[in-house]
């Protein structure tokens, strides 16, 4: 989540640390398998974990074959050296953590205890980022510069911006789920801080909208067992109705118009999409895409260059950027992930499971955020094993209990 950046670790060192994290994921997955087959593992637990692993294999086996194939495809096209290729593969290898997560969820008998611990880490790091952002932008105090200046040229309205933490959406959904169950003020305050972060610190319109849609959907899905819950839904419905009647929603949509005040980012994305679409057609790589494009390599950097001052960024193009990387193979990469998410939603929905609100909220956030943000870039790649492990665990648990 960026805790090591507090110590202003050199960016080159961070590159190696990120690759080490991928190796740790592989090691912990191997240890999870060993633990399952250990003679100390109870038979009942072993059966449950193996069922989890079987569901994960449905996605991970074809996924890894595609990822490794794209690695060879990339090396052949651009001549990456081994270090560059390893770094390009790194975020795609984080998915291996899903085996360890599934093991933890099964041993704990629930996925929420672990997510609550992760949420605590995320809340603390978000507070640290807000402090660094505030003191740097308004008082020019060099506090937490390793975090504040991760992207030194990422400025809007004269303010340095900082991206959201990894696992941001998962933590938002977890906190809201906890609040809907407990109504504790603490959960609400932490949730408001997370919701305000993309508005003021990151200044990302689309992510803010995705978060609000996710929150509204989860509130509506919560069973109305009390008059307070019914009142909140009625008030929310009235607010949404007035927003439609008085054109507020239309004004929000208009913000993404290329001719609007903030339309430059929309225009840049459209231009980037046209650029990569033309490149795929020119090179004839419709099936396997353009591979892993990194500016470290001169051949690949040429495809990313917009002009002598600017580059095109695949991370800003969401699922389209994923299809640029994988080509038609990307349909499998994203399609199977969506399939597991839909299956989990259906299983929990049909059985009136307590996980329904949580799973639906997570699925909505994942799908909507994918449209604009690449979930396989370095800042969001750790979300994928959590999505996988949670969808597989809740889907199987719901089916076995009913």
Protein backbone atom coordinates (compact mmCIF):
# COMPACT_ATOMS: atom_id res chain seq x y z
CA UNK A 1 0.00 0.00 0.00
CA UNK A 2 3.02 2.27 -0.07
CA UNK A 3 4.22 2.15 3.53
CA UNK A 4 7.83 1.77 2.39
CA UNK A 5 7.50 5.02 0.44
CA UNK A 6 7.31 6.84 3.77
CA UNK A 7 11.07 6.27 3.99
CA UNK A 8 11.67 7.84 0.55
CA UNK A 9 12.94 4.61 -0.94
CA UNK A 10 14.59 5.09 -4.32
CA UNK A 11 12.23 4.41 -7.24
CA UNK A 12 14.68 1.94 -8.77
CA UNK A 13 14.66 0.03 -5.49
CA UNK A 14 10.86 0.03 -5.53
CA UNK A 15 10.96 -1.68 -8.94
CA UNK A 16 12.91 -4.59 -7.44
CA UNK A 17 10.67 -4.68 -4.36
CA UNK A 18 7.59 -4.97 -6.57
CA UNK A 19 9.17 -7.91 -8.37
CA UNK A 20 10.04 -9.48 -5.02
CA UNK A 21 6.37 -9.18 -4.01
CA UNK A 22 5.43 -11.27 -7.07
CA UNK A 23 7.97 -13.90 -6.01
CA UNK A 24 6.53 -13.87 -2.48
CA UNK A 25 3.09 -14.52 -4.00
CA UNK A 26 4.41 -17.60 -5.78
CA UNK A 27 6.15 -18.86 -2.63
CA UNK A 28 3.08 -18.38 -0.41
CA UNK A 29 0.90 -20.13 -2.98
CA UNK A 30 3.31 -23.07 -2.94
CA UNK A 31 3.28 -23.08 0.88
CA UNK A 32 -0.53 -23.04 0.89
CA UNK A 33 -0.59 -26.15 -1.29
CA UNK A 34 1.97 -27.84 0.98
CA UNK A 35 -0.11 -26.95 4.04
CA UNK A 36 -3.22 -28.50 2.50
CA UNK A 37 -1.46 -31.80 1.81
CA UNK A 38 0.31 -31.81 5.16
CA UNK A 39 -0.64 -34.62 7.55
CA UNK A 40 -1.45 -31.93 10.11
CA UNK A 41 -4.26 -30.52 7.95
CA UNK A 42 -7.72 -31.88 8.99
CA UNK A 43 -9.47 -33.83 6.23
CA UNK A 44 -12.54 -31.57 6.29
CA UNK A 45 -10.42 -28.45 5.87
CA UNK A 46 -8.37 -30.07 3.12
CA UNK A 47 -11.49 -30.87 1.10
CA UNK A 48 -12.78 -27.31 1.40
CA UNK A 49 -9.48 -25.70 0.41
CA UNK A 50 -9.02 -28.04 -2.54
CA UNK A 51 -12.48 -27.11 -3.79
CA UNK A 52 -11.42 -23.45 -3.56
CA UNK A 53 -8.22 -24.17 -5.46
CA UNK A 54 -10.18 -26.01 -8.14
CA UNK A 55 -12.37 -22.96 -8.71
CA UNK A 56 -9.31 -20.71 -8.82
CA UNK A 57 -7.63 -23.01 -11.35
CA UNK A 58 -10.59 -22.47 -13.68
CA UNK A 59 -9.37 -18.89 -14.10
CA UNK A 60 -5.68 -18.94 -13.21
CA UNK A 61 -4.53 -21.80 -15.48
CA UNK A 62 -5.72 -20.23 -18.78
CA UNK A 63 -4.82 -16.77 -17.45
CA UNK A 64 -1.19 -17.72 -16.73
CA UNK A 65 -0.85 -19.45 -20.10
CA UNK A 66 -1.98 -16.23 -21.80
CA UNK A 67 0.27 -14.05 -19.61
CA UNK A 68 3.33 -16.19 -20.31
CA UNK A 69 2.50 -16.37 -24.02
CA UNK A 70 2.25 -12.57 -24.11
CA UNK A 71 5.63 -12.40 -22.39
CA UNK A 72 7.22 -14.42 -25.21
CA UNK A 73 5.25 -12.41 -27.77
CA UNK A 74 6.55 -9.16 -26.23
CA UNK A 75 10.17 -10.35 -26.09
CA UNK A 76 9.99 -11.45 -29.71
CA UNK A 77 8.51 -8.15 -30.93
CA UNK A 78 10.56 -5.63 -28.92
CA UNK A 79 13.63 -7.51 -27.69
CA UNK A 80 13.11 -6.94 -23.96
CA UNK A 81 15.98 -7.97 -21.70
CA UNK A 82 15.17 -10.33 -18.81
CA UNK A 83 14.81 -7.61 -16.14
CA UNK A 84 12.49 -5.48 -18.29
CA UNK A 85 10.39 -8.51 -19.17
CA UNK A 86 10.18 -9.59 -15.54
CA UNK A 87 9.00 -6.13 -14.48
CA UNK A 88 6.44 -6.09 -17.29
CA UNK A 89 5.09 -9.45 -16.05
CA UNK A 90 5.15 -8.49 -12.35
CA UNK A 91 1.65 -7.00 -11.89
CA UNK A 92 0.12 -9.90 -13.82
CA UNK A 93 1.74 -12.39 -11.43
CA UNK A 94 0.09 -10.88 -8.34
CA UNK A 95 -2.96 -13.00 -9.14
CA UNK A 96 -1.08 -15.95 -7.58
CA UNK A 97 -1.84 -14.46 -4.15
CA UNK A 98 -5.43 -15.70 -4.57
CA UNK A 99 -4.35 -19.20 -3.47
CA UNK A 100 -3.01 -17.88 -0.16
CA UNK A 101 -6.10 -15.71 0.32
CA UNK A 102 -8.45 -18.63 -0.32
CA UNK A 103 -6.52 -20.70 2.21
CA UNK A 104 -6.81 -17.92 4.82
CA UNK A 105 -10.53 -17.41 4.17
CA UNK A 106 -11.23 -21.14 4.50
CA UNK A 107 -9.18 -21.56 7.68
CA UNK A 108 -10.87 -18.49 9.24
CA UNK A 109 -14.29 -19.72 8.09
CA UNK A 110 -15.00 -16.26 6.66
CA UNK A 111 -13.33 -13.68 4.44
CA UNK A 112 -14.35 -10.62 6.46
CA UNK A 113 -11.85 -10.90 9.38
CA UNK A 114 -8.89 -10.68 7.00
CA UNK A 115 -10.51 -7.85 5.00
CA UNK A 116 -11.05 -5.88 8.21
CA UNK A 117 -7.31 -6.06 8.95
CA UNK A 118 -6.52 -4.99 5.39
CA UNK A 119 -9.03 -2.14 5.73
CA UNK A 120 -7.24 -0.85 8.84
CA UNK A 121 -3.95 -0.72 6.93
CA UNK A 122 -5.69 1.06 4.07
CA UNK A 123 -7.34 3.65 6.31
CA UNK A 124 -4.04 4.51 8.03
CA UNK A 125 -2.24 4.84 4.68
CA UNK A 126 -5.04 7.01 3.28
CA UNK A 127 -4.75 9.33 6.30
CA UNK A 128 -0.97 9.52 5.75
CA UNK A 129 -1.48 10.40 2.08
CA UNK A 130 -4.00 13.11 2.96
CA UNK A 131 -1.56 14.64 5.44
CA UNK A 132 1.28 14.59 2.93
CA UNK A 133 -0.96 16.04 0.20
CA UNK A 134 -2.33 18.83 2.41
CA UNK A 135 0.99 20.03 3.87
CA UNK A 136 2.80 19.83 0.52
CA UNK A 137 0.15 21.68 -1.51
CA UNK A 138 -0.85 24.35 0.99
CA UNK A 139 2.27 24.87 3.12
CA UNK A 140 5.04 23.41 0.92
CA UNK A 141 6.18 21.25 3.81
CA UNK A 142 8.11 18.17 2.56
CA UNK A 143 6.20 15.56 4.54
CA UNK A 144 6.03 12.01 3.13
CA UNK A 145 7.54 13.17 -0.19
CA UNK A 146 8.11 9.58 -1.29
CA UNK A 147 4.33 9.19 -1.33
CA UNK A 148 3.36 12.68 -2.48
CA UNK A 149 5.73 12.75 -5.44
CA UNK A 150 5.16 9.25 -6.82
CA UNK A 151 4.03 11.04 -9.99
CA UNK A 152 5.61 14.52 -9.70
CA UNK A 153 4.01 15.91 -12.88
CA UNK A 154 0.50 14.69 -12.02
CA UNK A 155 -1.09 18.08 -11.26
CA UNK A 156 -4.64 19.41 -11.59
CA UNK A 157 -5.97 22.84 -10.58
CA UNK A 158 -2.46 23.71 -9.37
CA UNK A 159 -2.40 20.85 -6.84
CA UNK A 160 -0.18 17.78 -6.74
CA UNK A 161 -2.37 14.68 -6.99
CA UNK A 162 -1.82 11.31 -5.30
CA UNK A 163 -3.44 8.10 -6.51
CA UNK A 164 -5.74 6.08 -4.27
CA UNK A 165 -4.30 3.19 -2.29
CA UNK A 166 -4.19 -0.32 -3.74
CA UNK A 167 -7.34 -2.29 -2.75
CA UNK A 168 -9.20 1.04 -2.52
CA UNK A 169 -12.51 -0.25 -3.90
CA UNK A 170 -12.39 -3.44 -1.86
CA UNK A 171 -11.83 -1.45 1.33
CA UNK A 172 -14.67 0.97 0.49
CA UNK A 173 -17.06 -1.93 -0.04
CA UNK A 174 -15.87 -3.63 3.18
CA UNK A 175 -16.34 -0.47 5.28
CA UNK A 176 -19.80 0.21 3.86
CA UNK A 177 -20.80 -3.41 4.43
CA UNK A 178 -19.62 -3.12 8.05
CA UNK A 179 -21.52 0.14 8.52
CA UNK A 180 -24.74 -1.25 7.05
CA UNK A 181 -24.52 -4.12 9.52
CA UNK A 182 -23.44 -2.23 12.64
CA UNK A 183 -24.35 1.45 12.07
CA UNK A 184 -21.15 2.39 13.93
CA UNK A 185 -20.12 6.02 13.51
CA UNK A 186 -16.47 4.99 13.23
CA UNK A 187 -17.12 3.01 10.05
CA UNK A 188 -19.10 5.91 8.58
CA UNK A 189 -16.33 8.46 9.26
CA UNK A 190 -13.68 6.21 7.71
CA UNK A 191 -15.94 5.64 4.70
CA UNK A 192 -16.48 9.39 4.23
CA UNK A 193 -12.71 9.92 4.28
CA UNK A 194 -12.25 7.30 1.55
CA UNK A 195 -15.08 8.74 -0.56
CA UNK A 196 -13.68 12.26 -0.24
CA UNK A 197 -10.17 11.16 -1.24
CA UNK A 198 -10.75 10.79 -5.03
CA UNK A 199 -12.75 14.05 -4.99
CA UNK A 200 -10.14 16.30 -3.35
CA UNK A 201 -6.78 14.50 -3.42
CA UNK A 202 -6.80 12.44 -6.61
CA UNK A 203 -9.37 14.65 -8.36
CA UNK A 204 -10.67 11.82 -10.51
CA UNK A 205 -14.25 12.32 -11.66
CA UNK A 206 -14.94 8.84 -12.98
CA UNK A 207 -13.68 7.00 -9.91
CA UNK A 208 -15.81 9.26 -7.69
CA UNK A 209 -18.89 8.37 -9.74
CA UNK A 210 -18.06 4.66 -9.58
CA UNK A 211 -17.75 4.81 -5.79
CA UNK A 212 -21.06 6.67 -5.43
CA UNK A 213 -22.89 4.20 -7.70
CA UNK A 214 -21.43 1.30 -5.70
CA UNK A 215 -22.50 2.85 -2.39
CA UNK A 216 -26.03 3.63 -3.61
CA UNK A 217 -26.44 0.10 -5.00
CA UNK A 218 -25.34 -1.48 -1.70
CA UNK A 219 -27.71 0.73 0.32
CA UNK A 220 -30.65 -0.29 -1.87
CA UNK A 221 -29.70 -3.97 -1.66
CA UNK A 222 -29.59 -3.99 2.14
CA UNK A 223 -32.72 -5.73 3.50
CA UNK A 224 -35.12 -3.14 4.93
CA UNK A 225 -35.67 -4.56 8.41
CA UNK A 226 -36.08 -1.24 10.21
CA UNK A 227 -37.96 2.01 9.70
CA UNK A 228 -34.61 3.83 9.57
CA UNK A 229 -33.45 1.70 6.66
CA UNK A 230 -36.70 2.31 4.79
CA UNK A 231 -36.45 6.06 5.46
CA UNK A 232 -32.88 6.20 4.11
CA UNK A 233 -33.94 4.44 0.89
CA UNK A 234 -36.92 6.76 0.44
CA UNK A 235 -34.72 9.82 1.02
CA UNK A 236 -32.14 8.47 -1.42
CA UNK A 237 -34.83 7.83 -4.03
CA UNK A 238 -36.18 11.38 -3.66
CA UNK A 239 -32.66 12.82 -3.99
CA UNK A 240 -31.98 10.80 -7.14
CA UNK A 241 -35.35 11.81 -8.59
CA UNK A 242 -34.65 15.51 -8.04
CA UNK A 243 -31.17 15.04 -9.51
CA UNK A 244 -32.72 13.69 -12.70
CA UNK A 245 -35.51 16.29 -12.85
CA UNK A 246 -33.18 19.27 -12.35
CA UNK A 247 -30.51 17.94 -14.70
CA UNK A 248 -27.76 17.32 -12.15
CA UNK A 249 -26.98 13.88 -13.56
CA UNK A 250 -26.92 15.29 -17.09
CA UNK A 251 -24.47 17.97 -15.91
CA UNK A 252 -22.21 15.31 -14.42
CA UNK A 253 -22.27 13.32 -17.67
CA UNK A 254 -21.52 16.54 -19.58
CA UNK A 255 -18.25 16.88 -17.65
CA UNK A 256 -16.89 14.03 -19.78
CA UNK A 257 -17.76 15.83 -23.02
CA UNK A 258 -14.55 16.63 -24.94
CA UNK A 259 -15.79 20.23 -25.35
CA UNK A 260 -16.40 20.76 -21.62
CA UNK A 261 -14.16 22.62 -19.15
CA UNK A 262 -12.56 19.33 -18.07
CA UNK A 263 -12.85 17.67 -21.46
CA UNK A 264 -9.12 17.56 -22.19
CA UNK A 265 -8.69 14.25 -20.35
CA UNK A 266 -11.60 12.75 -22.30
CA UNK A 267 -10.11 13.96 -25.57
CA UNK A 268 -6.72 12.54 -24.58
CA UNK A 269 -8.28 9.13 -23.90
CA UNK A 270 -10.16 9.11 -27.20
CA UNK A 271 -6.96 10.08 -29.02
CA UNK A 272 -5.03 7.31 -27.23
CA UNK A 273 -7.69 4.73 -28.09
CA UNK A 274 -7.53 5.70 -31.77
CA UNK A 275 -3.74 5.57 -31.66
CA UNK A 276 -3.54 2.03 -30.25
CA UNK A 277 -6.45 0.78 -32.37
CA UNK A 278 -4.60 1.91 -35.50
CA UNK A 279 -1.36 0.33 -34.27
CA UNK A 280 -3.06 -3.04 -33.76
CA UNK A 281 -4.51 -2.93 -37.26
CA UNK A 282 -1.23 -1.81 -38.84
CA UNK A 283 0.80 -4.53 -37.10
CA UNK A 284 -1.88 -7.20 -37.57
CA UNK A 285 -1.83 -8.16 -33.89
CA UNK A 286 -5.58 -8.44 -33.39
CA UNK A 287 -5.30 -11.90 -31.83
CA UNK A 288 -2.48 -11.39 -29.33
CA UNK A 289 -2.31 -7.60 -29.02
CA UNK A 290 0.72 -5.36 -28.70
CA UNK A 291 2.07 -7.10 -25.61
CA UNK A 292 3.49 -5.43 -22.49
CA UNK A 293 4.52 -1.92 -23.49
CA UNK A 294 7.15 -0.29 -21.28
CA UNK A 295 9.04 2.93 -21.95
CA UNK A 296 12.20 1.19 -20.68
CA UNK A 297 12.62 -0.39 -24.10
CA UNK A 298 13.27 1.86 -27.10
CA UNK A 299 11.19 -0.21 -29.54
CA UNK A 300 8.16 -0.28 -27.23
CA UNK A 301 8.63 3.36 -26.19
CA UNK A 302 8.10 4.46 -29.80
CA UNK A 303 4.58 3.02 -29.70
CA UNK A 304 3.84 4.94 -26.49
CA UNK A 305 5.19 8.29 -27.69
CA UNK A 306 2.66 11.03 -28.38
CA UNK A 307 5.18 13.84 -28.88
CA UNK A 308 8.54 14.86 -27.43
CA UNK A 309 6.83 15.98 -24.20
CA UNK A 310 4.07 13.40 -23.74
CA UNK A 311 3.32 9.68 -23.87
CA UNK A 312 0.15 7.65 -24.25
CA UNK A 313 -0.78 5.63 -21.13
CA UNK A 314 -2.58 2.30 -21.33
CA UNK A 315 -3.45 2.51 -17.62
CA UNK A 316 -5.93 5.32 -18.44
CA UNK A 317 -7.87 3.22 -20.94
CA UNK A 318 -9.35 0.57 -18.67
CA UNK A 319 -10.47 -2.63 -20.30
CA UNK A 320 -9.65 -1.21 -23.74
CA UNK A 321 -6.03 -0.91 -22.60
CA UNK A 322 -6.17 -4.55 -21.50
CA UNK A 323 -7.37 -5.55 -24.97
CA UNK A 324 -4.50 -3.56 -26.51
CA UNK A 325 -2.08 -5.67 -24.44
CA UNK A 326 -3.76 -9.06 -24.95
CA UNK A 327 -5.74 -8.60 -28.17
CA UNK A 328 -8.64 -11.02 -28.53
CA UNK A 329 -7.04 -13.16 -25.80
CA UNK A 330 -8.10 -10.37 -23.44
CA UNK A 331 -11.69 -11.57 -23.79
CA UNK A 332 -10.64 -14.68 -21.84
CA UNK A 333 -8.64 -12.67 -19.29
CA UNK A 334 -11.53 -10.34 -18.46
CA UNK A 335 -14.43 -12.59 -19.45
CA UNK A 336 -13.58 -15.43 -17.05
CA UNK A 337 -13.09 -12.96 -14.20
CA UNK A 338 -16.50 -11.41 -14.89
CA UNK A 339 -18.02 -14.88 -15.17
CA UNK A 340 -16.80 -15.85 -11.69
CA UNK A 341 -18.10 -12.56 -10.33
CA UNK A 342 -21.54 -13.05 -11.91
CA UNK A 343 -21.68 -16.63 -10.66
CA UNK A 344 -20.93 -15.47 -7.10
CA UNK A 345 -23.59 -12.75 -7.34
CA UNK A 346 -26.21 -15.25 -8.59
CA UNK A 347 -25.38 -17.86 -5.94
CA UNK A 348 -25.56 -15.34 -3.10
CA UNK A 349 -28.64 -13.64 -4.55
CA UNK A 350 -30.64 -16.83 -4.94
CA UNK A 351 -29.91 -18.04 -1.43
CA UNK A 352 -30.56 -14.69 0.29
CA UNK A 353 -27.06 -14.96 1.66
CA UNK A 354 -25.62 -12.49 4.15
CA UNK A 355 -22.83 -11.89 1.62
CA UNK A 356 -25.21 -10.62 -1.07
CA UNK A 357 -24.67 -6.88 -0.45
CA UNK A 358 -20.89 -7.26 -0.16
CA UNK A 359 -20.47 -9.41 -3.26
CA UNK A 360 -22.74 -7.31 -5.46
CA UNK A 361 -21.02 -4.11 -4.33
CA UNK A 362 -17.61 -5.56 -5.12
CA UNK A 363 -18.75 -6.81 -8.53
CA UNK A 364 -20.28 -3.43 -9.45
CA UNK A 365 -17.12 -1.60 -8.43
CA UNK A 366 -14.87 -4.02 -10.32
CA UNK A 367 -16.85 -3.84 -13.57
CA UNK A 368 -17.38 -0.07 -13.57
CA UNK A 369 -13.81 0.79 -12.57
CA UNK A 370 -12.53 -1.54 -15.31
CA UNK A 371 -14.11 0.70 -17.93
CA UNK A 372 -11.66 3.53 -17.24
CA UNK A 373 -8.92 2.14 -14.99
CA UNK A 374 -6.71 -0.82 -15.84
CA UNK A 375 -6.99 -3.32 -12.96
CA UNK A 376 -3.73 -4.91 -14.08
CA UNK A 377 -1.57 -1.81 -13.69
CA UNK A 378 0.89 -1.77 -10.80
CA UNK A 379 -1.33 0.23 -8.43
CA UNK A 380 -4.41 -1.96 -8.90
CA UNK A 381 -2.98 -5.39 -9.74
CA UNK A 382 -3.24 -6.56 -6.13
CA UNK A 383 -7.02 -6.09 -6.34
CA UNK A 384 -7.35 -9.00 -8.76
CA UNK A 385 -6.39 -11.86 -6.38
CA UNK A 386 -8.81 -10.41 -3.81
CA UNK A 387 -11.63 -10.31 -6.37
CA UNK A 388 -10.88 -13.88 -7.39
CA UNK A 389 -10.55 -15.29 -3.89
CA UNK A 390 -13.69 -13.51 -2.60
CA UNK A 391 -15.85 -14.46 -5.59
CA UNK A 392 -14.74 -18.10 -5.49
CA UNK A 393 -15.03 -18.37 -1.70
CA UNK A 394 -18.49 -16.77 -1.42
CA UNK A 395 -19.83 -18.65 -4.44
CA UNK A 396 -18.72 -22.04 -3.09
CA UNK A 397 -19.75 -21.28 0.49
CA UNK A 398 -23.22 -20.19 -0.59
CA UNK A 399 -23.69 -23.31 -2.73
CA UNK A 400 -22.44 -25.72 -0.05
CA UNK A 401 -24.60 -24.17 2.69
CA UNK A 402 -27.78 -24.42 0.65
